[in-house]
């Protein structure tokens, strides 16, 4: 497995970097981190971060702990725990506190009770709402677990793409001739192609800095390469950007068993026919516009433009395929048990991954309680 230390070493020595494969300790760490995420569903981001920090104290490389955690965050849905607007909640509490002197827990409870009465909520909901706008107070509402080995492979893939984003020149030899490769490479920079004896060679000169959109091209390019039986790459990497020296990085298909995207796309992002203005080919039938824009490094308007005319309904911040929207509405209208656990089971069965954003876009509210599966889902 390619470790963070290996990436840093690129700038120190001019040689081929050999990947390091998953050891028993690394697989154990991956299993532990996945478990931490699973155990913190329904708890705050701050509590999750504190638990992950504890893994760094167990003797593991802190860079590896943070790297694996970062990969898993892409499989999480965080949301506000607040029942009411945090600003309103704080103002009500501060106004009550300004009317009396508080020197005990009993006095504090009295202030919270008076403020919650004014706002028409419970003391429990008021306390959850007070600082719900802070990132550390966001609740981990959904997490899609993976196996430890898949996590390590996905981490390697993310690290490979990150490393190659610092490359100035990239050369890949791969089996066959995929037209999508030409489109993706054209979106990266100046490129040359050649063919011979059942294989193709592509050479790309990359700009000094890749935009988020171009980095997504790099991601999808290597999804294609990993799908071929034989491939090899060579890159001249400049790391950090201000460095004037380039260093050689090489990788080949023999080591590909430990490199694969964590959320592999069934299709490349770019339409082969869209040579001048590539469009995203969306696999998901439910798209959270903000999260997709952040992942691709583009604006929300660009995300909407990428799927324009493809039969998606815009529900504000969520885009839903027309057929899938009908299925979801029928399923929700036929449910007699509107507890979150049952709603999640039904929508998951329909292939919906962006669960909470879709519910909110359809006008549903989740009244969260300590047992998240027992939380009530109702329509405003």
Protein backbone atom coordinates (compact mmCIF):
# COMPACT_ATOMS: atom_id res chain seq x y z
CA UNK A 1 0.00 0.00 0.00
CA UNK A 2 1.24 3.48 -0.82
CA UNK A 3 1.51 5.25 2.52
CA UNK A 4 1.50 9.04 3.09
CA UNK A 5 5.17 8.88 4.01
CA UNK A 6 5.87 7.41 0.57
CA UNK A 7 4.22 10.44 -1.08
CA UNK A 8 6.29 12.85 0.98
CA UNK A 9 9.42 10.95 0.03
CA UNK A 10 8.81 11.85 -3.61
CA UNK A 11 10.39 15.26 -3.03
CA UNK A 12 13.40 13.85 -1.20
CA UNK A 13 14.75 11.29 -3.60
CA UNK A 14 14.66 10.71 -7.31
CA UNK A 15 13.63 7.10 -7.68
CA UNK A 16 10.74 4.74 -8.25
CA UNK A 17 8.36 4.49 -5.30
CA UNK A 18 7.28 0.93 -4.63
CA UNK A 19 3.81 0.43 -3.12
CA UNK A 20 3.51 -1.06 0.36
CA UNK A 21 0.84 -3.77 0.69
CA UNK A 22 -1.67 -4.11 3.53
CA UNK A 23 -0.17 -5.70 6.60
CA UNK A 24 -2.10 -7.40 9.38
CA UNK A 25 -1.77 -4.25 11.51
CA UNK A 26 -3.07 -1.99 8.73
CA UNK A 27 -6.07 -4.25 8.09
CA UNK A 28 -6.77 -4.27 11.83
CA UNK A 29 -6.62 -0.47 11.88
CA UNK A 30 -9.02 -0.24 8.91
CA UNK A 31 -11.46 -2.57 10.69
CA UNK A 32 -11.23 -0.45 13.85
CA UNK A 33 -11.90 2.82 12.01
CA UNK A 34 -14.91 1.40 10.17
CA UNK A 35 -16.29 0.22 13.53
CA UNK A 36 -15.78 3.69 15.02
CA UNK A 37 -17.85 5.25 12.23
CA UNK A 38 -20.60 2.62 12.63
CA UNK A 39 -20.76 3.13 16.38
CA UNK A 40 -21.08 6.92 16.02
CA UNK A 41 -24.15 6.98 13.80
CA UNK A 42 -26.56 9.26 15.65
CA UNK A 43 -23.74 11.03 17.50
CA UNK A 44 -21.94 14.29 16.76
CA UNK A 45 -19.03 14.94 14.45
CA UNK A 46 -17.07 16.17 17.47
CA UNK A 47 -17.56 12.85 19.28
CA UNK A 48 -16.53 10.98 16.13
CA UNK A 49 -13.38 13.08 15.77
CA UNK A 50 -12.49 12.48 19.42
CA UNK A 51 -12.89 8.71 19.01
CA UNK A 52 -10.75 8.72 15.86
CA UNK A 53 -8.13 10.72 17.74
CA UNK A 54 -8.03 7.87 20.23
CA UNK A 55 -6.94 5.53 17.41
CA UNK A 56 -3.87 7.72 16.91
CA UNK A 57 -2.93 7.06 20.53
CA UNK A 58 -2.90 3.29 19.97
CA UNK A 59 0.46 3.43 18.21
CA UNK A 60 -0.81 3.67 14.62
CA UNK A 61 0.64 6.17 12.15
CA UNK A 62 -1.51 9.26 12.65
CA UNK A 63 -1.27 10.09 8.93
CA UNK A 64 -2.76 6.72 8.04
CA UNK A 65 -5.52 7.10 10.64
CA UNK A 66 -6.48 10.51 9.28
CA UNK A 67 -6.20 9.36 5.66
CA UNK A 68 -8.50 6.37 6.15
CA UNK A 69 -10.95 8.54 8.12
CA UNK A 70 -11.01 11.12 5.34
CA UNK A 71 -11.91 8.45 2.78
CA UNK A 72 -14.78 7.21 4.96
CA UNK A 73 -16.19 10.71 5.43
CA UNK A 74 -17.28 10.60 1.78
CA UNK A 75 -19.61 7.76 2.79
CA UNK A 76 -21.24 9.79 5.57
CA UNK A 77 -24.25 12.07 5.71
CA UNK A 78 -23.99 14.74 8.41
CA UNK A 79 -26.93 16.93 9.38
CA UNK A 80 -28.06 19.41 11.97
CA UNK A 81 -29.39 18.06 15.25
CA UNK A 82 -31.33 21.23 15.89
CA UNK A 83 -35.11 21.27 16.18
CA UNK A 84 -35.26 25.06 16.01
CA UNK A 85 -32.93 27.73 14.61
CA UNK A 86 -29.77 27.84 16.80
CA UNK A 87 -29.72 31.65 16.76
CA UNK A 88 -33.29 31.79 18.12
CA UNK A 89 -32.43 29.19 20.75
CA UNK A 90 -29.36 31.08 21.99
CA UNK A 91 -31.15 34.42 22.02
CA UNK A 92 -34.01 33.01 24.12
CA UNK A 93 -31.59 31.46 26.63
CA UNK A 94 -29.40 34.59 26.87
CA UNK A 95 -32.46 36.81 27.40
CA UNK A 96 -33.63 34.58 30.26
CA UNK A 97 -30.12 34.48 31.73
CA UNK A 98 -29.98 38.30 31.66
CA UNK A 99 -32.96 38.50 34.01
CA UNK A 100 -31.40 36.56 36.89
CA UNK A 101 -28.12 35.46 38.43
CA UNK A 102 -27.27 31.82 37.77
CA UNK A 103 -24.94 30.14 40.25
CA UNK A 104 -26.16 26.52 40.30
CA UNK A 105 -27.31 23.67 38.08
CA UNK A 106 -30.82 24.21 39.36
CA UNK A 107 -30.70 27.81 38.17
CA UNK A 108 -29.46 26.69 34.76
CA UNK A 109 -32.30 24.20 34.46
CA UNK A 110 -34.73 26.95 35.37
CA UNK A 111 -33.43 29.18 32.58
CA UNK A 112 -33.59 26.38 30.03
CA UNK A 113 -37.10 25.51 31.17
CA UNK A 114 -38.30 29.10 30.81
CA UNK A 115 -36.66 29.51 27.39
CA UNK A 116 -38.04 26.20 26.09
CA UNK A 117 -41.55 27.18 27.26
CA UNK A 118 -41.29 30.45 25.31
CA UNK A 119 -40.17 28.62 22.18
CA UNK A 120 -42.67 25.77 22.49
CA UNK A 121 -40.12 22.96 22.56
CA UNK A 122 -38.79 20.54 25.16
CA UNK A 123 -35.68 21.31 27.20
CA UNK A 124 -33.97 18.34 25.50
CA UNK A 125 -34.70 19.75 22.03
CA UNK A 126 -33.60 23.22 23.13
CA UNK A 127 -30.23 21.94 24.34
CA UNK A 128 -29.72 20.02 21.08
CA UNK A 129 -30.47 23.17 19.10
CA UNK A 130 -28.32 25.68 21.02
CA UNK A 131 -25.12 25.10 19.02
CA UNK A 132 -26.39 22.87 16.23
CA UNK A 133 -24.89 25.24 13.65
CA UNK A 134 -21.34 24.37 14.74
CA UNK A 135 -19.57 21.75 12.61
CA UNK A 136 -18.58 19.74 15.67
CA UNK A 137 -22.27 19.50 16.65
CA UNK A 138 -23.41 18.07 13.32
CA UNK A 139 -24.91 14.61 13.67
CA UNK A 140 -23.70 11.59 11.73
CA UNK A 141 -27.05 10.53 10.28
CA UNK A 142 -25.99 7.99 7.66
CA UNK A 143 -22.88 5.87 7.11
CA UNK A 144 -22.30 3.29 4.38
CA UNK A 145 -19.83 0.74 5.80
CA UNK A 146 -17.18 -1.08 3.78
CA UNK A 147 -14.89 -4.03 4.40
CA UNK A 148 -11.42 -3.24 5.80
CA UNK A 149 -9.72 -4.40 2.59
CA UNK A 150 -12.00 -2.29 0.41
CA UNK A 151 -11.18 0.70 2.60
CA UNK A 152 -7.43 0.11 2.17
CA UNK A 153 -7.84 -0.26 -1.60
CA UNK A 154 -9.94 2.89 -1.77
CA UNK A 155 -7.39 4.77 0.32
CA UNK A 156 -4.63 3.67 -2.08
CA UNK A 157 -6.68 4.86 -5.03
CA UNK A 158 -7.36 8.28 -3.46
CA UNK A 159 -3.69 8.62 -2.59
CA UNK A 160 -2.69 7.70 -6.14
CA UNK A 161 -5.00 10.34 -7.66
CA UNK A 162 -3.78 12.94 -5.15
CA UNK A 163 -0.16 12.17 -6.02
CA UNK A 164 -0.78 12.34 -9.76
CA UNK A 165 -2.54 15.68 -9.35
CA UNK A 166 1.00 17.01 -8.70
CA UNK A 167 2.36 15.49 -11.92
CA UNK A 168 3.58 17.62 -14.82
CA UNK A 169 3.84 14.73 -17.27
CA UNK A 170 1.98 11.44 -17.32
CA UNK A 171 2.53 8.43 -19.57
CA UNK A 172 0.30 5.34 -19.49
CA UNK A 173 0.41 2.12 -21.55
CA UNK A 174 -2.75 0.03 -21.37
CA UNK A 175 -4.43 -2.88 -23.10
CA UNK A 176 -6.95 -2.05 -25.86
CA UNK A 177 -8.13 1.33 -27.08
CA UNK A 178 -10.97 2.98 -25.15
CA UNK A 179 -12.39 6.17 -26.77
CA UNK A 180 -13.34 7.48 -23.31
CA UNK A 181 -9.65 7.60 -22.45
CA UNK A 182 -9.05 10.06 -25.26
CA UNK A 183 -11.87 12.31 -24.07
CA UNK A 184 -10.70 12.31 -20.47
CA UNK A 185 -7.06 12.93 -21.40
CA UNK A 186 -8.08 15.81 -23.66
CA UNK A 187 -9.73 17.39 -20.64
CA UNK A 188 -6.50 17.13 -18.65
CA UNK A 189 -4.05 18.85 -20.99
CA UNK A 190 -2.02 18.47 -24.16
CA UNK A 191 -1.87 14.79 -25.06
CA UNK A 192 -0.55 12.35 -27.67
CA UNK A 193 -1.83 8.86 -28.49
CA UNK A 194 -0.24 5.88 -30.22
CA UNK A 195 -1.30 2.27 -30.77
CA UNK A 196 0.48 -0.99 -31.43
CA UNK A 197 0.16 -4.76 -30.83
CA UNK A 198 -3.13 -4.64 -28.93
CA UNK A 199 -2.11 -1.85 -26.57
CA UNK A 200 -2.29 1.94 -26.50
CA UNK A 201 0.04 4.57 -25.17
CA UNK A 202 -1.10 7.98 -23.97
CA UNK A 203 1.19 10.83 -23.00
CA UNK A 204 -0.24 13.92 -21.25
CA UNK A 205 1.38 17.24 -20.30
CA UNK A 206 -0.55 18.55 -17.31
CA UNK A 207 -0.83 22.20 -16.18
CA UNK A 208 0.95 23.34 -13.02
CA UNK A 209 -2.26 23.13 -11.03
CA UNK A 210 -5.29 20.93 -11.70
CA UNK A 211 -8.77 22.32 -11.01
CA UNK A 212 -11.26 20.18 -9.13
CA UNK A 213 -13.05 19.40 -12.38
CA UNK A 214 -9.83 18.18 -14.03
CA UNK A 215 -8.96 16.14 -10.97
CA UNK A 216 -12.29 14.33 -11.39
CA UNK A 217 -11.15 13.52 -14.95
CA UNK A 218 -7.97 12.02 -13.47
CA UNK A 219 -10.09 9.95 -11.08
CA UNK A 220 -12.24 8.51 -13.87
CA UNK A 221 -9.27 7.97 -16.15
CA UNK A 222 -7.74 5.55 -13.65
CA UNK A 223 -11.05 3.81 -13.10
CA UNK A 224 -10.79 2.91 -16.80
CA UNK A 225 -7.13 1.86 -16.58
CA UNK A 226 -7.77 -0.36 -13.57
CA UNK A 227 -10.46 -2.13 -15.57
CA UNK A 228 -7.91 -3.37 -18.12
CA UNK A 229 -5.78 -6.49 -17.65
CA UNK A 230 -2.43 -4.85 -18.31
CA UNK A 231 -1.40 -1.25 -17.66
CA UNK A 232 1.60 0.70 -16.49
CA UNK A 233 2.12 4.35 -15.70
CA UNK A 234 5.05 6.69 -15.30
CA UNK A 235 4.74 10.22 -13.97
CA UNK A 236 7.06 13.14 -13.36
CA UNK A 237 5.83 14.54 -10.06
CA UNK A 238 6.56 17.99 -8.64
CA UNK A 239 5.75 18.07 -4.93
CA UNK A 240 5.16 20.53 -3.37
CA UNK A 241 3.98 22.91 -6.13
CA UNK A 242 6.68 25.48 -5.38
CA UNK A 243 9.42 22.88 -5.88
CA UNK A 244 11.43 23.10 -9.13
CA UNK A 245 12.56 19.49 -9.10
CA UNK A 246 10.59 16.61 -10.61
CA UNK A 247 10.69 13.05 -9.32
CA UNK A 248 9.74 9.79 -10.95
CA UNK A 249 6.74 7.75 -9.87
CA UNK A 250 5.87 4.41 -11.47
CA UNK A 251 3.08 1.88 -10.97
CA UNK A 252 1.80 -1.15 -12.90
CA UNK A 253 -1.11 -3.58 -13.03
CA UNK A 254 0.75 -6.23 -11.01
CA UNK A 255 0.14 -4.06 -7.96
CA UNK A 256 -3.40 -3.11 -8.98
CA UNK A 257 -5.06 -5.66 -6.69
CA UNK A 258 -4.55 -3.26 -3.80
CA UNK A 259 -5.76 -0.17 -5.70
CA UNK A 260 -9.42 0.42 -6.52
CA UNK A 261 -11.92 3.27 -6.03
CA UNK A 262 -14.05 2.89 -2.93
CA UNK A 263 -17.19 3.92 -4.79
CA UNK A 264 -16.48 2.63 -8.29
CA UNK A 265 -18.64 4.18 -10.98
CA UNK A 266 -20.31 1.87 -13.46
CA UNK A 267 -19.62 4.42 -16.20
CA UNK A 268 -17.01 7.10 -16.82
CA UNK A 269 -17.97 10.66 -16.01
CA UNK A 270 -17.50 11.99 -19.52
CA UNK A 271 -19.71 11.41 -22.55
CA UNK A 272 -17.49 10.28 -25.48
CA UNK A 273 -19.31 12.65 -27.86
CA UNK A 274 -18.84 15.71 -25.64
CA UNK A 275 -15.30 16.57 -26.69
CA UNK A 276 -15.48 20.33 -26.24
CA UNK A 277 -17.72 20.58 -23.18
CA UNK A 278 -17.79 17.31 -21.22
CA UNK A 279 -20.93 16.51 -19.26
CA UNK A 280 -21.18 14.39 -16.19
CA UNK A 281 -22.80 11.03 -16.76
CA UNK A 282 -24.72 10.50 -13.53
CA UNK A 283 -25.26 6.99 -12.23
CA UNK A 284 -27.28 7.91 -9.15
CA UNK A 285 -30.99 8.61 -9.51
CA UNK A 286 -30.93 10.90 -6.46
CA UNK A 287 -28.32 13.68 -6.42
CA UNK A 288 -27.53 16.01 -3.54
CA UNK A 289 -26.42 19.05 -5.54
CA UNK A 290 -24.21 20.61 -2.85
CA UNK A 291 -22.34 17.39 -2.00
CA UNK A 292 -21.86 16.53 -5.68
CA UNK A 293 -20.50 20.01 -6.41
CA UNK A 294 -18.04 19.74 -3.52
CA UNK A 295 -16.87 16.30 -4.69
CA UNK A 296 -16.30 17.42 -8.27
CA UNK A 297 -14.89 20.84 -7.37
CA UNK A 298 -17.50 22.72 -9.44
CA UNK A 299 -20.40 25.07 -8.69
CA UNK A 300 -23.93 23.89 -7.97
CA UNK A 301 -25.13 25.53 -11.18
CA UNK A 302 -22.56 23.53 -13.13
CA UNK A 303 -23.87 20.31 -11.58
CA UNK A 304 -27.40 21.20 -12.68
CA UNK A 305 -26.11 22.05 -16.16
CA UNK A 306 -24.30 18.70 -16.41
CA UNK A 307 -27.54 16.70 -16.11
CA UNK A 308 -29.83 19.16 -17.91
CA UNK A 309 -32.34 17.44 -20.18
CA UNK A 310 -31.86 14.01 -18.64
CA UNK A 311 -35.26 13.65 -16.98
CA UNK A 312 -34.37 14.82 -13.48
CA UNK A 313 -36.78 16.77 -11.26
CA UNK A 314 -35.19 19.64 -9.31
CA UNK A 315 -36.51 19.66 -5.73
CA UNK A 316 -34.34 22.59 -4.69
CA UNK A 317 -31.10 21.12 -3.44
CA UNK A 318 -31.87 17.58 -4.60
CA UNK A 319 -32.27 16.24 -8.16
CA UNK A 320 -34.34 13.08 -8.61
CA UNK A 321 -34.97 10.98 -11.71
CA UNK A 322 -38.66 11.16 -12.63
CA UNK A 323 -39.24 7.42 -12.39
CA UNK A 324 -37.46 7.15 -9.06
CA UNK A 325 -39.43 10.11 -7.68
CA UNK A 326 -42.72 8.32 -8.45
CA UNK A 327 -41.46 5.16 -6.74
CA UNK A 328 -40.40 7.07 -3.62
CA UNK A 329 -43.67 8.98 -3.34
CA UNK A 330 -45.72 5.80 -3.72
CA UNK A 331 -43.61 4.00 -1.14
CA UNK A 332 -43.89 6.83 1.41
CA UNK A 333 -47.63 7.26 0.91
CA UNK A 334 -48.15 3.52 1.49
CA UNK A 335 -46.20 3.37 4.74
CA UNK A 336 -48.18 2.94 7.94
CA UNK A 337 -45.06 2.87 10.14
CA UNK A 338 -43.32 6.24 9.78
CA UNK A 339 -40.48 5.57 12.16
CA UNK A 340 -37.10 6.45 10.67
CA UNK A 341 -35.79 2.89 10.81
CA UNK A 342 -38.67 1.60 8.67
CA UNK A 343 -38.53 4.56 6.26
CA UNK A 344 -34.80 4.00 5.81
CA UNK A 345 -35.32 0.28 5.13
CA UNK A 346 -37.91 0.97 2.43
CA UNK A 347 -35.98 3.74 0.68
CA UNK A 348 -32.73 1.78 0.83
CA UNK A 349 -34.61 -1.02 -0.92
CA UNK A 350 -35.35 1.43 -3.72
CA UNK A 351 -31.65 2.26 -4.04
CA UNK A 352 -31.87 5.70 -2.41
CA UNK A 353 -28.57 6.72 -0.81
CA UNK A 354 -29.16 10.44 -0.19
CA UNK A 355 -31.89 9.57 2.30
CA UNK A 356 -32.20 12.57 4.63
CA UNK A 357 -31.71 15.26 1.94
CA UNK A 358 -34.42 13.60 -0.19
CA UNK A 359 -36.88 13.44 2.72
CA UNK A 360 -36.31 17.11 3.50
CA UNK A 361 -36.69 18.05 -0.19
CA UNK A 362 -40.04 16.24 -0.27
CA UNK A 363 -41.25 18.22 2.74
CA UNK A 364 -40.70 15.59 5.43
CA UNK A 365 -39.20 16.29 8.83
CA UNK A 366 -37.42 13.81 11.11
CA UNK A 367 -38.08 14.35 14.80
CA UNK A 368 -34.84 12.90 16.12
CA UNK A 369 -34.63 11.27 19.54
CA UNK A 370 -32.04 9.22 21.38
CA UNK A 371 -32.97 6.05 19.47
CA UNK A 372 -32.62 7.25 15.88
CA UNK A 373 -34.53 4.27 14.43
CA UNK A 374 -37.52 5.22 16.60
CA UNK A 375 -37.43 8.85 15.41
CA UNK A 376 -40.69 9.92 13.79
CA UNK A 377 -40.89 11.02 10.17
CA UNK A 378 -43.79 13.27 9.28
CA UNK A 379 -44.75 15.67 6.54
CA UNK A 380 -45.10 19.39 7.20
